[in-house]
């Protein structure tokens, strides 16, 4: 049973929002020195090594791998690591990092209808309205010219980022339906399976990477360690202490941080539609999760 969020929980939520919001700008820096497959591969491989080490330190053990559990692990590994990491890395060659961050804000809006169909969570009117408003925000985000002739690779980059959000959403549903398994173990095995897929792909398409400079190299290390190993540990700690509803506050922060870091750190231009899309998506999240947020605010004043 979770308890009232503490000051440490609030600081953890802010830190997670900053880490995950800054990930898209770091991907952009890594792409200055490496190809998209290499960036995605380094993220999974380094993350897998860190999580396997963390699993050993925390003495978490892999449960018996039944055929059903193995199937879930393979699907989750592909859809939560290999595919979205690759889609985001490829897409961010052609779109601003802020666009990728706002795209991820739509993730819960994909989850709601999918959960109603494939899980045991009913899709009520509030959720339907929220999803509708949020998807309107997604349409504003990609703009009216995405399907126009001559839109070029920018349009495909936008579609890749939104497809990554959909992949994460499907992985989230599979994770909910997965047989019981420790969260740290699940993360470690998912990243390991993602690395198994991406390492051969990298060697076949981009070859063995070399050192291309301090900034791209440091970006690869950051991607492998902070948004995966450290963030996963913080996430599990917060959920066990303050609950999964409290964790939803991260969804509102990530796109804001991604826009701020993209503009201030990378000098990216932020067109008006980014702000309009963000407002619509966050409004959709607020409508769809209104009851949970209201309950949270009633009990979530930091403990003194």
C-alpha atoms as a PDB file:
ATOM      1  CA  UNK A   1       0.000   0.000   0.000  1.00  0.00           C
ATOM      2  CA  UNK A   2       1.379   3.392  -0.976  1.00  0.00           C
ATOM      3  CA  UNK A   3       1.706   6.303   1.417  1.00  0.00           C
ATOM      4  CA  UNK A   4       1.500  10.071   1.195  1.00  0.00           C
ATOM      5  CA  UNK A   5       4.185  11.403  -1.201  1.00  0.00           C
ATOM      6  CA  UNK A   6       7.214  12.764   0.598  1.00  0.00           C
ATOM      7  CA  UNK A   7       9.531  15.606  -0.343  1.00  0.00           C
ATOM      8  CA  UNK A   8      11.933  12.992  -1.718  1.00  0.00           C
ATOM      9  CA  UNK A   9       9.144  11.629  -3.940  1.00  0.00           C
ATOM     10  CA  UNK A  10       8.460  15.098  -5.349  1.00  0.00           C
ATOM     11  CA  UNK A  11      12.154  15.675  -6.028  1.00  0.00           C
ATOM     12  CA  UNK A  12      12.341  12.269  -7.712  1.00  0.00           C
ATOM     13  CA  UNK A  13       9.424  13.146  -9.988  1.00  0.00           C
ATOM     14  CA  UNK A  14      11.081  16.413 -10.969  1.00  0.00           C
ATOM     15  CA  UNK A  15      14.359  14.600 -11.649  1.00  0.00           C
ATOM     16  CA  UNK A  16      12.635  11.983 -13.820  1.00  0.00           C
ATOM     17  CA  UNK A  17      10.878  14.685 -15.810  1.00  0.00           C
ATOM     18  CA  UNK A  18      14.188  16.465 -16.393  1.00  0.00           C
ATOM     19  CA  UNK A  19      16.044  13.267 -17.367  1.00  0.00           C
ATOM     20  CA  UNK A  20      13.383  11.972 -19.747  1.00  0.00           C
ATOM     21  CA  UNK A  21      12.649  15.451 -21.111  1.00  0.00           C
ATOM     22  CA  UNK A  22      16.325  16.022 -21.821  1.00  0.00           C
ATOM     23  CA  UNK A  23      16.777  12.649 -23.521  1.00  0.00           C
ATOM     24  CA  UNK A  24      15.581  13.961 -26.894  1.00  0.00           C
ATOM     25  CA  UNK A  25      18.142  16.766 -26.962  1.00  0.00           C
ATOM     26  CA  UNK A  26      20.866  14.265 -26.041  1.00  0.00           C
ATOM     27  CA  UNK A  27      19.785  11.995 -28.914  1.00  0.00           C
ATOM     28  CA  UNK A  28      20.189  14.998 -31.208  1.00  0.00           C
ATOM     29  CA  UNK A  29      23.758  15.517 -29.929  1.00  0.00           C
ATOM     30  CA  UNK A  30      24.596  11.825 -30.378  1.00  0.00           C
ATOM     31  CA  UNK A  31      23.341  11.945 -33.979  1.00  0.00           C
ATOM     32  CA  UNK A  32      25.990  14.561 -34.760  1.00  0.00           C
ATOM     33  CA  UNK A  33      28.606  11.812 -34.551  1.00  0.00           C
ATOM     34  CA  UNK A  34      26.796   8.517 -35.049  1.00  0.00           C
ATOM     35  CA  UNK A  35      24.113   6.976 -37.217  1.00  0.00           C
ATOM     36  CA  UNK A  36      20.596   6.382 -35.893  1.00  0.00           C
ATOM     37  CA  UNK A  37      21.015   2.609 -35.579  1.00  0.00           C
ATOM     38  CA  UNK A  38      24.232   3.058 -33.606  1.00  0.00           C
ATOM     39  CA  UNK A  39      22.567   5.553 -31.272  1.00  0.00           C
ATOM     40  CA  UNK A  40      19.650   3.188 -30.632  1.00  0.00           C
ATOM     41  CA  UNK A  41      21.991   0.222 -30.223  1.00  0.00           C
ATOM     42  CA  UNK A  42      24.272   2.011 -27.756  1.00  0.00           C
ATOM     43  CA  UNK A  43      21.254   3.032 -25.710  1.00  0.00           C
ATOM     44  CA  UNK A  44      20.012  -0.547 -25.407  1.00  0.00           C
ATOM     45  CA  UNK A  45      23.418  -2.208 -24.981  1.00  0.00           C
ATOM     46  CA  UNK A  46      24.781   0.203 -22.367  1.00  0.00           C
ATOM     47  CA  UNK A  47      21.426   0.285 -20.625  1.00  0.00           C
ATOM     48  CA  UNK A  48      21.285  -3.514 -20.569  1.00  0.00           C
ATOM     49  CA  UNK A  49      24.754  -3.782 -19.032  1.00  0.00           C
ATOM     50  CA  UNK A  50      23.885  -1.201 -16.385  1.00  0.00           C
ATOM     51  CA  UNK A  51      20.564  -2.848 -15.546  1.00  0.00           C
ATOM     52  CA  UNK A  52      22.060  -6.350 -15.412  1.00  0.00           C
ATOM     53  CA  UNK A  53      24.689  -5.002 -13.011  1.00  0.00           C
ATOM     54  CA  UNK A  54      22.002  -3.298 -10.942  1.00  0.00           C
ATOM     55  CA  UNK A  55      19.985  -6.510 -10.907  1.00  0.00           C
ATOM     56  CA  UNK A  56      23.005  -8.380  -9.563  1.00  0.00           C
ATOM     57  CA  UNK A  57      23.726  -5.758  -6.888  1.00  0.00           C
ATOM     58  CA  UNK A  58      20.081  -5.761  -5.759  1.00  0.00           C
ATOM     59  CA  UNK A  59      20.075  -9.590  -5.857  1.00  0.00           C
ATOM     60  CA  UNK A  60      17.104  -9.797  -8.198  1.00  0.00           C
ATOM     61  CA  UNK A  61      16.802 -13.151  -9.929  1.00  0.00           C
ATOM     62  CA  UNK A  62      15.261 -14.173 -13.224  1.00  0.00           C
ATOM     63  CA  UNK A  63      12.136 -16.299 -12.615  1.00  0.00           C
ATOM     64  CA  UNK A  64      11.553 -19.602 -14.438  1.00  0.00           C
ATOM     65  CA  UNK A  65      11.100 -18.725 -18.120  1.00  0.00           C
ATOM     66  CA  UNK A  66       7.841 -20.375 -19.137  1.00  0.00           C
ATOM     67  CA  UNK A  67       6.840 -20.177 -22.834  1.00  0.00           C
ATOM     68  CA  UNK A  68       4.180 -17.569 -21.985  1.00  0.00           C
ATOM     69  CA  UNK A  69       6.570 -15.350 -20.014  1.00  0.00           C
ATOM     70  CA  UNK A  70       9.250 -15.725 -22.700  1.00  0.00           C
ATOM     71  CA  UNK A  71       6.807 -14.591 -25.376  1.00  0.00           C
ATOM     72  CA  UNK A  72       5.848 -11.519 -23.385  1.00  0.00           C
ATOM     73  CA  UNK A  73       9.479 -10.667 -22.693  1.00  0.00           C
ATOM     74  CA  UNK A  74      10.375 -10.875 -26.387  1.00  0.00           C
ATOM     75  CA  UNK A  75       7.442  -8.663 -27.420  1.00  0.00           C
ATOM     76  CA  UNK A  76       8.068  -6.134 -24.641  1.00  0.00           C
ATOM     77  CA  UNK A  77      11.789  -6.041 -25.420  1.00  0.00           C
ATOM     78  CA  UNK A  78      11.094  -5.281 -29.070  1.00  0.00           C
ATOM     79  CA  UNK A  79       8.292  -2.742 -28.550  1.00  0.00           C
ATOM     80  CA  UNK A  80       9.654  -0.916 -25.484  1.00  0.00           C
ATOM     81  CA  UNK A  81      13.324  -0.655 -26.472  1.00  0.00           C
ATOM     82  CA  UNK A  82      14.535  -1.726 -29.930  1.00  0.00           C
ATOM     83  CA  UNK A  83      11.718  -0.366 -32.104  1.00  0.00           C
ATOM     84  CA  UNK A  84      10.966   2.973 -30.367  1.00  0.00           C
ATOM     85  CA  UNK A  85      14.647   3.763 -29.793  1.00  0.00           C
ATOM     86  CA  UNK A  86      15.312   3.156 -33.494  1.00  0.00           C
ATOM     87  CA  UNK A  87      12.267   5.144 -34.630  1.00  0.00           C
ATOM     88  CA  UNK A  88      13.162   8.108 -32.417  1.00  0.00           C
ATOM     89  CA  UNK A  89      16.816   8.114 -33.462  1.00  0.00           C
ATOM     90  CA  UNK A  90      15.911   7.960 -37.139  1.00  0.00           C
ATOM     91  CA  UNK A  91      13.095  10.488 -36.858  1.00  0.00           C
ATOM     92  CA  UNK A  92      15.153  13.018 -34.924  1.00  0.00           C
ATOM     93  CA  UNK A  93      17.477  13.387 -37.890  1.00  0.00           C
ATOM     94  CA  UNK A  94      14.671  15.368 -39.536  1.00  0.00           C
ATOM     95  CA  UNK A  95      12.625  16.947 -36.722  1.00  0.00           C
ATOM     96  CA  UNK A  96      13.518  19.095 -33.680  1.00  0.00           C
ATOM     97  CA  UNK A  97      14.051  17.343 -30.365  1.00  0.00           C
ATOM     98  CA  UNK A  98      11.113  19.355 -28.992  1.00  0.00           C
ATOM     99  CA  UNK A  99       8.823  17.674 -31.527  1.00  0.00           C
ATOM    100  CA  UNK A 100       9.919  14.236 -30.297  1.00  0.00           C
ATOM    101  CA  UNK A 101       9.305  15.236 -26.683  1.00  0.00           C
ATOM    102  CA  UNK A 102       5.800  16.503 -27.399  1.00  0.00           C
ATOM    103  CA  UNK A 103       5.067  13.317 -29.364  1.00  0.00           C
ATOM    104  CA  UNK A 104       5.813  11.277 -26.257  1.00  0.00           C
ATOM    105  CA  UNK A 105       3.206  13.287 -24.345  1.00  0.00           C
ATOM    106  CA  UNK A 106       0.603  11.565 -26.507  1.00  0.00           C
ATOM    107  CA  UNK A 107       1.647   8.141 -25.175  1.00  0.00           C
ATOM    108  CA  UNK A 108      -1.050   7.898 -22.459  1.00  0.00           C
ATOM    109  CA  UNK A 109      -3.649   8.854 -25.071  1.00  0.00           C
ATOM    110  CA  UNK A 110      -2.696   5.774 -27.087  1.00  0.00           C
ATOM    111  CA  UNK A 111      -2.743   3.624 -23.960  1.00  0.00           C
ATOM    112  CA  UNK A 112      -6.339   4.423 -22.937  1.00  0.00           C
ATOM    113  CA  UNK A 113      -8.178   2.980 -25.976  1.00  0.00           C
ATOM    114  CA  UNK A 114      -5.706   0.105 -26.290  1.00  0.00           C
ATOM    115  CA  UNK A 115      -6.240  -0.788 -22.630  1.00  0.00           C
ATOM    116  CA  UNK A 116      -9.997  -0.843 -23.151  1.00  0.00           C
ATOM    117  CA  UNK A 117      -9.653  -3.332 -26.022  1.00  0.00           C
ATOM    118  CA  UNK A 118      -6.799  -5.538 -24.860  1.00  0.00           C
ATOM    119  CA  UNK A 119      -6.814  -5.124 -21.073  1.00  0.00           C
ATOM    120  CA  UNK A 120      -9.410  -4.953 -18.322  1.00  0.00           C
ATOM    121  CA  UNK A 121      -9.665  -1.161 -18.062  1.00  0.00           C
ATOM    122  CA  UNK A 122     -13.007   0.335 -19.225  1.00  0.00           C
ATOM    123  CA  UNK A 123     -12.971   3.273 -21.639  1.00  0.00           C
ATOM    124  CA  UNK A 124     -15.396   5.785 -20.129  1.00  0.00           C
ATOM    125  CA  UNK A 125     -16.721   9.001 -21.639  1.00  0.00           C
ATOM    126  CA  UNK A 126     -14.162  11.148 -19.830  1.00  0.00           C
ATOM    127  CA  UNK A 127     -11.358   9.100 -21.327  1.00  0.00           C
ATOM    128  CA  UNK A 128     -12.917   9.297 -24.796  1.00  0.00           C
ATOM    129  CA  UNK A 129     -13.179  13.098 -24.617  1.00  0.00           C
ATOM    130  CA  UNK A 130      -9.631  13.388 -23.334  1.00  0.00           C
ATOM    131  CA  UNK A 131      -8.287  11.151 -26.100  1.00  0.00           C
ATOM    132  CA  UNK A 132     -10.165  13.189 -28.698  1.00  0.00           C
ATOM    133  CA  UNK A 133      -8.730  16.470 -27.441  1.00  0.00           C
ATOM    134  CA  UNK A 134      -5.253  14.964 -27.199  1.00  0.00           C
ATOM    135  CA  UNK A 135      -5.330  13.569 -30.719  1.00  0.00           C
ATOM    136  CA  UNK A 136      -6.450  16.959 -31.988  1.00  0.00           C
ATOM    137  CA  UNK A 137      -3.262  18.238 -30.385  1.00  0.00           C
ATOM    138  CA  UNK A 138      -1.284  15.565 -32.241  1.00  0.00           C
ATOM    139  CA  UNK A 139      -2.810  16.722 -35.546  1.00  0.00           C
ATOM    140  CA  UNK A 140      -1.871  20.316 -34.748  1.00  0.00           C
ATOM    141  CA  UNK A 141       1.641  19.153 -33.880  1.00  0.00           C
ATOM    142  CA  UNK A 142       2.331  17.494 -37.224  1.00  0.00           C
ATOM    143  CA  UNK A 143       0.732  20.381 -39.129  1.00  0.00           C
ATOM    144  CA  UNK A 144      -1.402  20.465 -42.272  1.00  0.00           C
ATOM    145  CA  UNK A 145       1.464  19.924 -44.709  1.00  0.00           C
ATOM    146  CA  UNK A 146       2.629  16.532 -43.499  1.00  0.00           C
ATOM    147  CA  UNK A 147       0.890  14.645 -46.328  1.00  0.00           C
ATOM    148  CA  UNK A 148       1.468  17.276 -49.000  1.00  0.00           C
ATOM    149  CA  UNK A 149       3.633  16.397 -52.010  1.00  0.00           C
ATOM    150  CA  UNK A 150       7.205  17.392 -51.377  1.00  0.00           C
ATOM    151  CA  UNK A 151       6.909  17.215 -47.594  1.00  0.00           C
ATOM    152  CA  UNK A 152      10.054  15.113 -47.707  1.00  0.00           C
ATOM    153  CA  UNK A 153      11.836  13.320 -44.906  1.00  0.00           C
ATOM    154  CA  UNK A 154      10.575  15.764 -42.293  1.00  0.00           C
ATOM    155  CA  UNK A 155       7.104  14.265 -42.638  1.00  0.00           C
ATOM    156  CA  UNK A 156       8.490  10.753 -42.266  1.00  0.00           C
ATOM    157  CA  UNK A 157      10.476  11.873 -39.227  1.00  0.00           C
ATOM    158  CA  UNK A 158       7.295  13.160 -37.610  1.00  0.00           C
ATOM    159  CA  UNK A 159       5.508   9.901 -38.337  1.00  0.00           C
ATOM    160  CA  UNK A 160       8.438   7.951 -36.878  1.00  0.00           C
ATOM    161  CA  UNK A 161       8.248   9.870 -33.581  1.00  0.00           C
ATOM    162  CA  UNK A 162       4.499   9.302 -33.280  1.00  0.00           C
ATOM    163  CA  UNK A 163       4.974   5.635 -34.210  1.00  0.00           C
ATOM    164  CA  UNK A 164       7.494   5.374 -31.364  1.00  0.00           C
ATOM    165  CA  UNK A 165       4.844   6.663 -28.944  1.00  0.00           C
ATOM    166  CA  UNK A 166       2.415   4.047 -30.260  1.00  0.00           C
ATOM    167  CA  UNK A 167       5.059   1.341 -29.822  1.00  0.00           C
ATOM    168  CA  UNK A 168       5.594   2.390 -26.204  1.00  0.00           C
ATOM    169  CA  UNK A 169       1.828   2.318 -25.666  1.00  0.00           C
ATOM    170  CA  UNK A 170       1.478  -1.246 -26.973  1.00  0.00           C
ATOM    171  CA  UNK A 171       4.451  -2.279 -24.818  1.00  0.00           C
ATOM    172  CA  UNK A 172       2.716  -0.714 -21.802  1.00  0.00           C
ATOM    173  CA  UNK A 173      -0.383  -2.860 -22.388  1.00  0.00           C
ATOM    174  CA  UNK A 174       1.757  -5.975 -22.779  1.00  0.00           C
ATOM    175  CA  UNK A 175       3.606  -5.096 -19.568  1.00  0.00           C
ATOM    176  CA  UNK A 176       0.299  -4.910 -17.680  1.00  0.00           C
ATOM    177  CA  UNK A 177      -0.725  -8.321 -19.032  1.00  0.00           C
ATOM    178  CA  UNK A 178       2.704  -9.896 -18.514  1.00  0.00           C
ATOM    179  CA  UNK A 179       2.966 -12.664 -15.886  1.00  0.00           C
ATOM    180  CA  UNK A 180       4.323 -11.376 -12.542  1.00  0.00           C
ATOM    181  CA  UNK A 181       7.988 -10.413 -12.709  1.00  0.00           C
ATOM    182  CA  UNK A 182      10.179  -7.974 -10.791  1.00  0.00           C
ATOM    183  CA  UNK A 183      10.319  -4.530 -12.440  1.00  0.00           C
ATOM    184  CA  UNK A 184      14.121  -4.319 -12.385  1.00  0.00           C
ATOM    185  CA  UNK A 185      14.422  -7.787 -13.933  1.00  0.00           C
ATOM    186  CA  UNK A 186      11.851  -6.936 -16.599  1.00  0.00           C
ATOM    187  CA  UNK A 187      13.717  -3.756 -17.536  1.00  0.00           C
ATOM    188  CA  UNK A 188      17.069  -5.559 -17.673  1.00  0.00           C
ATOM    189  CA  UNK A 189      15.758  -8.399 -19.829  1.00  0.00           C
ATOM    190  CA  UNK A 190      13.846  -6.036 -22.133  1.00  0.00           C
ATOM    191  CA  UNK A 191      16.963  -3.980 -22.803  1.00  0.00           C
ATOM    192  CA  UNK A 192      19.026  -7.132 -23.304  1.00  0.00           C
ATOM    193  CA  UNK A 193      16.583  -8.447 -25.902  1.00  0.00           C
ATOM    194  CA  UNK A 194      16.555  -5.031 -27.578  1.00  0.00           C
ATOM    195  CA  UNK A 195      20.351  -5.121 -27.772  1.00  0.00           C
ATOM    196  CA  UNK A 196      20.232  -8.621 -29.282  1.00  0.00           C
ATOM    197  CA  UNK A 197      18.105  -7.201 -32.104  1.00  0.00           C
ATOM    198  CA  UNK A 198      19.987  -3.935 -32.640  1.00  0.00           C
ATOM    199  CA  UNK A 199      23.636  -5.029 -32.387  1.00  0.00           C
ATOM    200  CA  UNK A 200      23.551  -7.178 -35.568  1.00  0.00           C
ATOM    201  CA  UNK A 201      21.510  -4.477 -37.331  1.00  0.00           C
ATOM    202  CA  UNK A 202      24.125  -1.863 -36.427  1.00  0.00           C
ATOM    203  CA  UNK A 203      27.031  -4.024 -37.614  1.00  0.00           C
ATOM    204  CA  UNK A 204      25.277  -4.745 -40.929  1.00  0.00           C
ATOM    205  CA  UNK A 205      24.179  -1.176 -41.679  1.00  0.00           C
ATOM    206  CA  UNK A 206      26.616   1.207 -39.987  1.00  0.00           C
ATOM    207  CA  UNK A 207      29.505  -0.975 -38.894  1.00  0.00           C
ATOM    208  CA  UNK A 208      31.441  -0.995 -35.645  1.00  0.00           C
ATOM    209  CA  UNK A 209      31.385   2.546 -34.204  1.00  0.00           C
ATOM    210  CA  UNK A 210      34.508   4.467 -33.352  1.00  0.00           C
ATOM    211  CA  UNK A 211      35.136   7.517 -31.202  1.00  0.00           C
ATOM    212  CA  UNK A 212      33.806  10.604 -33.008  1.00  0.00           C
ATOM    213  CA  UNK A 213      34.275  13.238 -30.337  1.00  0.00           C
ATOM    214  CA  UNK A 214      33.614  14.091 -26.713  1.00  0.00           C
ATOM    215  CA  UNK A 215      30.074  15.435 -27.161  1.00  0.00           C
ATOM    216  CA  UNK A 216      28.581  12.566 -29.226  1.00  0.00           C
ATOM    217  CA  UNK A 217      30.443   9.998 -27.115  1.00  0.00           C
ATOM    218  CA  UNK A 218      29.244  11.478 -23.839  1.00  0.00           C
ATOM    219  CA  UNK A 219      25.731  11.625 -25.291  1.00  0.00           C
ATOM    220  CA  UNK A 220      25.813   7.885 -25.978  1.00  0.00           C
ATOM    221  CA  UNK A 221      26.937   7.147 -22.423  1.00  0.00           C
ATOM    222  CA  UNK A 222      24.215   9.407 -21.029  1.00  0.00           C
ATOM    223  CA  UNK A 223      21.542   7.666 -23.099  1.00  0.00           C
ATOM    224  CA  UNK A 224      22.651   4.259 -21.913  1.00  0.00           C
ATOM    225  CA  UNK A 225      22.845   5.085 -18.222  1.00  0.00           C
ATOM    226  CA  UNK A 226      20.601   7.926 -17.049  1.00  0.00           C
ATOM    227  CA  UNK A 227      17.301   7.442 -18.933  1.00  0.00           C
ATOM    228  CA  UNK A 228      17.538   3.677 -18.414  1.00  0.00           C
ATOM    229  CA  UNK A 229      19.357   2.392 -15.342  1.00  0.00           C
ATOM    230  CA  UNK A 230      19.088   5.416 -13.041  1.00  0.00           C
ATOM    231  CA  UNK A 231      15.593   6.398 -14.187  1.00  0.00           C
ATOM    232  CA  UNK A 232      14.322   2.816 -13.865  1.00  0.00           C
ATOM    233  CA  UNK A 233      15.591   2.613 -10.293  1.00  0.00           C
ATOM    234  CA  UNK A 234      14.007   5.970  -9.393  1.00  0.00           C
ATOM    235  CA  UNK A 235      10.737   4.964 -11.088  1.00  0.00           C
ATOM    236  CA  UNK A 236      10.433   1.695  -9.157  1.00  0.00           C
ATOM    237  CA  UNK A 237      11.274   3.458  -5.879  1.00  0.00           C
ATOM    238  CA  UNK A 238       8.653   6.179  -6.425  1.00  0.00           C
ATOM    239  CA  UNK A 239       5.908   3.751  -7.457  1.00  0.00           C
ATOM    240  CA  UNK A 240       6.501   1.577  -4.404  1.00  0.00           C
ATOM    241  CA  UNK A 241       6.553   4.594  -2.111  1.00  0.00           C
ATOM    242  CA  UNK A 242       3.912   6.946  -3.564  1.00  0.00           C
ATOM    243  CA  UNK A 243       2.026   4.874  -6.144  1.00  0.00           C
ATOM    244  CA  UNK A 244       1.584   4.640  -9.914  1.00  0.00           C
ATOM    245  CA  UNK A 245      -0.927   7.518 -10.012  1.00  0.00           C
ATOM    246  CA  UNK A 246       1.709   9.846  -8.579  1.00  0.00           C
ATOM    247  CA  UNK A 247       4.051   8.711 -11.384  1.00  0.00           C
ATOM    248  CA  UNK A 248       1.632  10.105 -13.988  1.00  0.00           C
ATOM    249  CA  UNK A 249       2.832  13.597 -13.052  1.00  0.00           C
ATOM    250  CA  UNK A 250       5.935  12.849 -15.146  1.00  0.00           C
ATOM    251  CA  UNK A 251       3.766  12.788 -18.296  1.00  0.00           C
ATOM    252  CA  UNK A 252       3.030  16.494 -17.879  1.00  0.00           C
ATOM    253  CA  UNK A 253       6.677  17.469 -17.419  1.00  0.00           C
ATOM    254  CA  UNK A 254       8.489  15.641 -20.217  1.00  0.00           C
ATOM    255  CA  UNK A 255       7.231  17.732 -23.168  1.00  0.00           C
ATOM    256  CA  UNK A 256       7.789  20.991 -21.260  1.00  0.00           C
ATOM    257  CA  UNK A 257      11.382  20.063 -20.439  1.00  0.00           C
ATOM    258  CA  UNK A 258      12.006  18.845 -24.003  1.00  0.00           C
ATOM    259  CA  UNK A 259      10.827  22.161 -25.441  1.00  0.00           C
ATOM    260  CA  UNK A 260      12.815  24.240 -22.948  1.00  0.00           C
ATOM    261  CA  UNK A 261      16.027  22.253 -23.394  1.00  0.00           C
ATOM    262  CA  UNK A 262      15.651  22.129 -27.170  1.00  0.00           C
ATOM    263  CA  UNK A 263      15.181  25.894 -27.377  1.00  0.00           C
ATOM    264  CA  UNK A 264      17.745  26.982 -24.774  1.00  0.00           C
ATOM    265  CA  UNK A 265      20.334  24.244 -25.195  1.00  0.00           C
ATOM    266  CA  UNK A 266      20.181  23.552 -28.937  1.00  0.00           C
ATOM    267  CA  UNK A 267      18.758  26.818 -30.214  1.00  0.00           C
ATOM    268  CA  UNK A 268      15.757  25.112 -31.809  1.00  0.00           C
ATOM    269  CA  UNK A 269      12.935  27.252 -33.154  1.00  0.00           C
ATOM    270  CA  UNK A 270       9.575  26.588 -31.518  1.00  0.00           C
ATOM    271  CA  UNK A 271       6.705  27.347 -33.930  1.00  0.00           C
ATOM    272  CA  UNK A 272       3.334  28.360 -32.517  1.00  0.00           C
ATOM    273  CA  UNK A 273       1.808  24.981 -33.315  1.00  0.00           C
ATOM    274  CA  UNK A 274       4.172  23.317 -30.805  1.00  0.00           C
ATOM    275  CA  UNK A 275       2.670  25.377 -27.984  1.00  0.00           C
ATOM    276  CA  UNK A 276      -0.894  24.847 -29.243  1.00  0.00           C
ATOM    277  CA  UNK A 277      -0.310  21.099 -29.577  1.00  0.00           C
ATOM    278  CA  UNK A 278       1.236  20.882 -26.113  1.00  0.00           C
ATOM    279  CA  UNK A 279      -1.722  22.726 -24.585  1.00  0.00           C
ATOM    280  CA  UNK A 280      -4.237  20.424 -26.302  1.00  0.00           C
ATOM    281  CA  UNK A 281      -2.358  17.226 -25.421  1.00  0.00           C
ATOM    282  CA  UNK A 282      -1.926  18.207 -21.768  1.00  0.00           C
ATOM    283  CA  UNK A 283      -5.594  19.235 -21.637  1.00  0.00           C
ATOM    284  CA  UNK A 284      -6.528  15.827 -23.024  1.00  0.00           C
ATOM    285  CA  UNK A 285      -4.379  14.159 -20.385  1.00  0.00           C
ATOM    286  CA  UNK A 286      -6.003  16.264 -17.689  1.00  0.00           C
ATOM    287  CA  UNK A 287      -9.511  15.338 -18.863  1.00  0.00           C
ATOM    288  CA  UNK A 288      -8.780  11.632 -19.224  1.00  0.00           C
ATOM    289  CA  UNK A 289      -6.936  11.407 -15.904  1.00  0.00           C
ATOM    290  CA  UNK A 290      -9.011  14.001 -14.051  1.00  0.00           C
ATOM    291  CA  UNK A 291     -10.321  11.693 -11.367  1.00  0.00           C
ATOM    292  CA  UNK A 292      -6.881  10.277 -10.599  1.00  0.00           C
ATOM    293  CA  UNK A 293      -5.352  13.749 -10.511  1.00  0.00           C
ATOM    294  CA  UNK A 294      -8.077  15.044  -8.200  1.00  0.00           C
ATOM    295  CA  UNK A 295      -7.552  12.142  -5.805  1.00  0.00           C
ATOM    296  CA  UNK A 296      -3.812  12.706  -5.967  1.00  0.00           C
ATOM    297  CA  UNK A 297      -4.011  16.416  -5.203  1.00  0.00           C
ATOM    298  CA  UNK A 298      -6.217  15.683  -2.186  1.00  0.00           C
ATOM    299  CA  UNK A 299      -3.511  13.594  -0.584  1.00  0.00           C
ATOM    300  CA  UNK A 300      -0.267  14.661  -2.263  1.00  0.00           C
ATOM    301  CA  UNK A 301       0.908  17.635  -0.228  1.00  0.00           C
ATOM    302  CA  UNK A 302       4.546  16.856   0.595  1.00  0.00           C
ATOM    303  CA  UNK A 303       5.002  15.402   4.069  1.00  0.00           C
ATOM    304  CA  UNK A 304       6.863  17.637   6.471  1.00  0.00           C
END
